[in-house]
Amino acid sequence: MGPDGFVSDTTHDTTAALHRMYAARSPVERLKMGCALYDAALQMVRASLKEESSNPAALFLRLHGPDFDSATRARIVRHLQKMARG
C-alpha cells in the first residue's frame, strides 16, 4: 500500500524519483504531458467502444459517468443525444 492509502506496485524510491522529474519540468510541460495522457486515454476508450466510438453519450458515460449522480447523468446523456441528432 502506498503512502496515500492506495495499492501500488511502484517502489517508494521510484515514486519519489518520478515526482522529482515531474517537479523539475515547467508548468507548461506538465500541462502538455497531462493533455497527452488524456488524449491517449480517450483513444483507448474510443477503441474499447468500437462502433459506439462516435457516440458522445457513450464516451461521456465511460469517462465521466461515475462522477455524477443518476439524475444528473441522465440529464447530461439526454442533452448529448439531442446534440448528436442535430
N, C-alpha and C. Protein backbone atom coordinates (compact mmCIF):
# COMPACT_ATOMS: atom_id res chain seq x y z
N MET A 1 0.85 -1.18 0.00
CA MET A 1 0.00 0.00 0.00
C MET A 1 0.89 1.24 0.00
N GLY A 2 0.55 2.18 -0.86
CA GLY A 2 1.32 3.41 -0.96
C GLY A 2 1.03 4.37 0.19
N PRO A 3 1.79 5.45 0.28
CA PRO A 3 1.60 6.42 1.36
C PRO A 3 0.25 7.12 1.31
N ASP A 4 -0.40 7.11 0.14
CA ASP A 4 -1.70 7.75 0.02
C ASP A 4 -2.85 6.78 0.31
N GLY A 5 -2.52 5.54 0.70
CA GLY A 5 -3.55 4.58 1.04
C GLY A 5 -4.00 3.72 -0.13
N PHE A 6 -3.44 3.93 -1.31
CA PHE A 6 -3.80 3.14 -2.48
C PHE A 6 -2.78 2.03 -2.70
N VAL A 7 -3.24 0.94 -3.26
CA VAL A 7 -2.34 -0.15 -3.60
C VAL A 7 -1.45 0.30 -4.74
N SER A 8 -0.17 0.02 -4.63
CA SER A 8 0.78 0.44 -5.66
C SER A 8 1.84 -0.64 -5.84
N ASP A 9 2.22 -0.87 -7.09
CA ASP A 9 3.31 -1.81 -7.36
C ASP A 9 4.61 -1.06 -7.65
N THR A 10 4.62 0.24 -7.39
CA THR A 10 5.79 1.07 -7.62
C THR A 10 6.49 1.33 -6.29
N THR A 11 7.81 1.14 -6.26
CA THR A 11 8.54 1.35 -5.02
C THR A 11 8.51 2.83 -4.61
N HIS A 12 8.73 3.07 -3.34
CA HIS A 12 8.76 4.45 -2.84
C HIS A 12 9.87 5.24 -3.52
N ASP A 13 11.04 4.62 -3.72
CA ASP A 13 12.15 5.32 -4.37
C ASP A 13 11.80 5.73 -5.80
N THR A 14 11.14 4.84 -6.53
CA THR A 14 10.75 5.15 -7.90
C THR A 14 9.71 6.26 -7.92
N THR A 15 8.74 6.19 -7.02
CA THR A 15 7.72 7.23 -6.93
C THR A 15 8.36 8.58 -6.63
N ALA A 16 9.31 8.60 -5.70
CA ALA A 16 10.00 9.85 -5.34
C ALA A 16 10.80 10.38 -6.53
N ALA A 17 11.47 9.49 -7.27
CA ALA A 17 12.26 9.92 -8.43
C ALA A 17 11.35 10.51 -9.51
N LEU A 18 10.22 9.86 -9.76
CA LEU A 18 9.26 10.38 -10.74
C LEU A 18 8.73 11.74 -10.30
N HIS A 19 8.43 11.87 -9.03
CA HIS A 19 7.93 13.16 -8.52
C HIS A 19 8.97 14.26 -8.75
N ARG A 20 10.23 13.95 -8.49
CA ARG A 20 11.29 14.95 -8.71
C ARG A 20 11.40 15.29 -10.20
N MET A 21 11.29 14.28 -11.07
CA MET A 21 11.38 14.54 -12.51
C MET A 21 10.23 15.44 -12.97
N TYR A 22 9.02 15.14 -12.52
CA TYR A 22 7.88 15.96 -12.92
C TYR A 22 7.98 17.37 -12.35
N ALA A 23 8.43 17.49 -11.11
CA ALA A 23 8.56 18.80 -10.47
C ALA A 23 9.61 19.66 -11.18
N ALA A 24 10.59 19.02 -11.80
CA ALA A 24 11.64 19.77 -12.49
C ALA A 24 11.16 20.36 -13.81
N ARG A 25 10.06 19.88 -14.32
CA ARG A 25 9.52 20.39 -15.59
C ARG A 25 8.75 21.68 -15.34
N SER A 26 8.64 22.46 -16.38
CA SER A 26 7.89 23.72 -16.25
C SER A 26 6.39 23.41 -16.17
N PRO A 27 5.60 24.34 -15.67
CA PRO A 27 4.16 24.13 -15.63
C PRO A 27 3.57 23.84 -17.02
N VAL A 28 4.10 24.50 -18.03
CA VAL A 28 3.59 24.27 -19.40
C VAL A 28 3.90 22.85 -19.84
N GLU A 29 5.10 22.37 -19.55
CA GLU A 29 5.46 20.99 -19.91
C GLU A 29 4.57 19.99 -19.18
N ARG A 30 4.29 20.25 -17.90
CA ARG A 30 3.43 19.33 -17.14
C ARG A 30 2.00 19.35 -17.70
N LEU A 31 1.53 20.51 -18.11
CA LEU A 31 0.21 20.60 -18.72
C LEU A 31 0.16 19.81 -20.02
N LYS A 32 1.19 19.97 -20.85
CA LYS A 32 1.25 19.23 -22.11
C LYS A 32 1.26 17.72 -21.86
N MET A 33 2.00 17.29 -20.83
CA MET A 33 2.04 15.87 -20.50
C MET A 33 0.65 15.38 -20.08
N GLY A 34 -0.03 16.17 -19.27
CA GLY A 34 -1.37 15.80 -18.83
C GLY A 34 -2.34 15.71 -20.00
N CYS A 35 -2.25 16.67 -20.90
CA CYS A 35 -3.12 16.65 -22.09
C CYS A 35 -2.84 15.43 -22.96
N ALA A 36 -1.56 15.09 -23.12
CA ALA A 36 -1.20 13.92 -23.91
C ALA A 36 -1.73 12.64 -23.27
N LEU A 37 -1.66 12.55 -21.94
CA LEU A 37 -2.19 11.38 -21.25
C LEU A 37 -3.70 11.30 -21.42
N TYR A 38 -4.39 12.42 -21.34
CA TYR A 38 -5.84 12.43 -21.54
C TYR A 38 -6.18 11.98 -22.96
N ASP A 39 -5.44 12.50 -23.95
CA ASP A 39 -5.69 12.10 -25.34
C ASP A 39 -5.48 10.60 -25.53
N ALA A 40 -4.45 10.05 -24.91
CA ALA A 40 -4.19 8.62 -25.01
C ALA A 40 -5.32 7.82 -24.37
N ALA A 41 -5.78 8.27 -23.20
CA ALA A 41 -6.89 7.58 -22.53
C ALA A 41 -8.15 7.64 -23.38
N LEU A 42 -8.41 8.78 -23.99
CA LEU A 42 -9.58 8.94 -24.84
C LEU A 42 -9.52 7.98 -26.04
N GLN A 43 -8.36 7.84 -26.64
CA GLN A 43 -8.20 6.90 -27.75
C GLN A 43 -8.47 5.47 -27.31
N MET A 44 -8.01 5.11 -26.11
CA MET A 44 -8.25 3.76 -25.60
C MET A 44 -9.73 3.52 -25.34
N VAL A 45 -10.41 4.54 -24.80
CA VAL A 45 -11.85 4.40 -24.55
C VAL A 45 -12.59 4.27 -25.87
N ARG A 46 -12.26 5.10 -26.84
CA ARG A 46 -12.91 5.01 -28.15
C ARG A 46 -12.71 3.63 -28.77
N ALA A 47 -11.51 3.11 -28.66
CA ALA A 47 -11.23 1.78 -29.22
C ALA A 47 -12.04 0.71 -28.50
N SER A 48 -12.23 0.87 -27.21
CA SER A 48 -12.98 -0.14 -26.45
C SER A 48 -14.48 -0.07 -26.73
N LEU A 49 -14.95 1.08 -27.20
CA LEU A 49 -16.38 1.23 -27.51
C LEU A 49 -16.73 0.74 -28.90
N LYS A 50 -15.72 0.53 -29.73
CA LYS A 50 -15.87 0.05 -31.11
C LYS A 50 -16.86 0.88 -31.90
N GLU A 51 -18.03 0.32 -32.25
CA GLU A 51 -18.97 1.03 -33.13
C GLU A 51 -19.60 2.25 -32.46
N GLU A 52 -19.51 2.35 -31.16
CA GLU A 52 -20.09 3.49 -30.46
C GLU A 52 -19.08 4.63 -30.28
N SER A 53 -17.91 4.52 -30.88
CA SER A 53 -16.84 5.48 -30.61
C SER A 53 -17.21 6.91 -31.00
N SER A 54 -18.16 7.07 -31.92
CA SER A 54 -18.57 8.43 -32.30
C SER A 54 -19.79 8.89 -31.50
N ASN A 55 -20.21 8.10 -30.53
CA ASN A 55 -21.37 8.43 -29.71
C ASN A 55 -20.91 9.23 -28.49
N PRO A 56 -21.20 10.54 -28.47
CA PRO A 56 -20.73 11.37 -27.35
C PRO A 56 -21.28 10.92 -26.00
N ALA A 57 -22.51 10.41 -25.97
CA ALA A 57 -23.09 9.96 -24.71
C ALA A 57 -22.33 8.75 -24.16
N ALA A 58 -21.96 7.82 -25.05
CA ALA A 58 -21.20 6.64 -24.62
C ALA A 58 -19.82 7.05 -24.09
N LEU A 59 -19.18 7.99 -24.78
CA LEU A 59 -17.88 8.48 -24.31
C LEU A 59 -18.02 9.16 -22.95
N PHE A 60 -19.04 9.98 -22.81
CA PHE A 60 -19.27 10.65 -21.52
C PHE A 60 -19.46 9.64 -20.40
N LEU A 61 -20.30 8.64 -20.64
CA LEU A 61 -20.58 7.64 -19.60
C LEU A 61 -19.32 6.88 -19.21
N ARG A 62 -18.50 6.54 -20.20
CA ARG A 62 -17.29 5.78 -19.90
C ARG A 62 -16.28 6.63 -19.15
N LEU A 63 -16.12 7.90 -19.55
CA LEU A 63 -15.10 8.74 -18.94
C LEU A 63 -15.55 9.43 -17.66
N HIS A 64 -16.80 9.89 -17.63
CA HIS A 64 -17.22 10.76 -16.52
C HIS A 64 -18.49 10.30 -15.80
N GLY A 65 -19.13 9.24 -16.28
CA GLY A 65 -20.39 8.78 -15.71
C GLY A 65 -20.38 8.60 -14.20
N PRO A 66 -19.38 7.92 -13.64
CA PRO A 66 -19.37 7.70 -12.19
C PRO A 66 -19.23 8.98 -11.36
N ASP A 67 -18.86 10.08 -12.01
CA ASP A 67 -18.66 11.33 -11.27
C ASP A 67 -19.96 12.06 -10.96
N PHE A 68 -21.08 11.58 -11.52
CA PHE A 68 -22.36 12.27 -11.37
C PHE A 68 -23.41 11.35 -10.77
N ASP A 69 -24.37 11.94 -10.07
CA ASP A 69 -25.49 11.15 -9.57
C ASP A 69 -26.37 10.74 -10.76
N SER A 70 -27.25 9.78 -10.56
CA SER A 70 -28.00 9.21 -11.68
C SER A 70 -28.89 10.24 -12.39
N ALA A 71 -29.49 11.16 -11.65
CA ALA A 71 -30.37 12.16 -12.28
C ALA A 71 -29.56 13.11 -13.16
N THR A 72 -28.43 13.58 -12.65
CA THR A 72 -27.57 14.48 -13.43
C THR A 72 -27.01 13.76 -14.64
N ARG A 73 -26.55 12.52 -14.43
CA ARG A 73 -26.01 11.72 -15.52
C ARG A 73 -27.04 11.55 -16.64
N ALA A 74 -28.30 11.24 -16.27
CA ALA A 74 -29.37 11.07 -17.27
C ALA A 74 -29.62 12.37 -18.02
N ARG A 75 -29.61 13.49 -17.32
CA ARG A 75 -29.83 14.79 -17.96
C ARG A 75 -28.72 15.10 -18.97
N ILE A 76 -27.48 14.83 -18.59
CA ILE A 76 -26.36 15.08 -19.49
C ILE A 76 -26.44 14.16 -20.72
N VAL A 77 -26.77 12.89 -20.51
CA VAL A 77 -26.88 11.95 -21.63
C VAL A 77 -27.98 12.40 -22.59
N ARG A 78 -29.13 12.81 -22.06
CA ARG A 78 -30.21 13.31 -22.93
C ARG A 78 -29.74 14.50 -23.75
N HIS A 79 -29.02 15.41 -23.12
CA HIS A 79 -28.51 16.59 -23.83
C HIS A 79 -27.53 16.18 -24.93
N LEU A 80 -26.62 15.28 -24.61
CA LEU A 80 -25.63 14.83 -25.61
C LEU A 80 -26.31 14.11 -26.78
N GLN A 81 -27.32 13.31 -26.47
CA GLN A 81 -28.05 12.62 -27.55
C GLN A 81 -28.79 13.62 -28.42
N LYS A 82 -29.38 14.64 -27.79
CA LYS A 82 -30.08 15.68 -28.57
C LYS A 82 -29.09 16.43 -29.46
N MET A 83 -27.93 16.75 -28.92
CA MET A 83 -26.90 17.47 -29.69
C MET A 83 -26.40 16.61 -30.86
N ALA A 84 -26.29 15.31 -30.65
CA ALA A 84 -25.78 14.41 -31.69
C ALA A 84 -26.77 14.30 -32.85
N ARG A 85 -28.06 14.41 -32.54
CA ARG A 85 -29.09 14.35 -33.59
C ARG A 85 -29.13 15.63 -34.40
N GLY A 86 -28.61 16.68 -33.82
CA GLY A 86 -28.54 17.95 -34.55
C GLY A 86 -29.68 18.77 -34.23
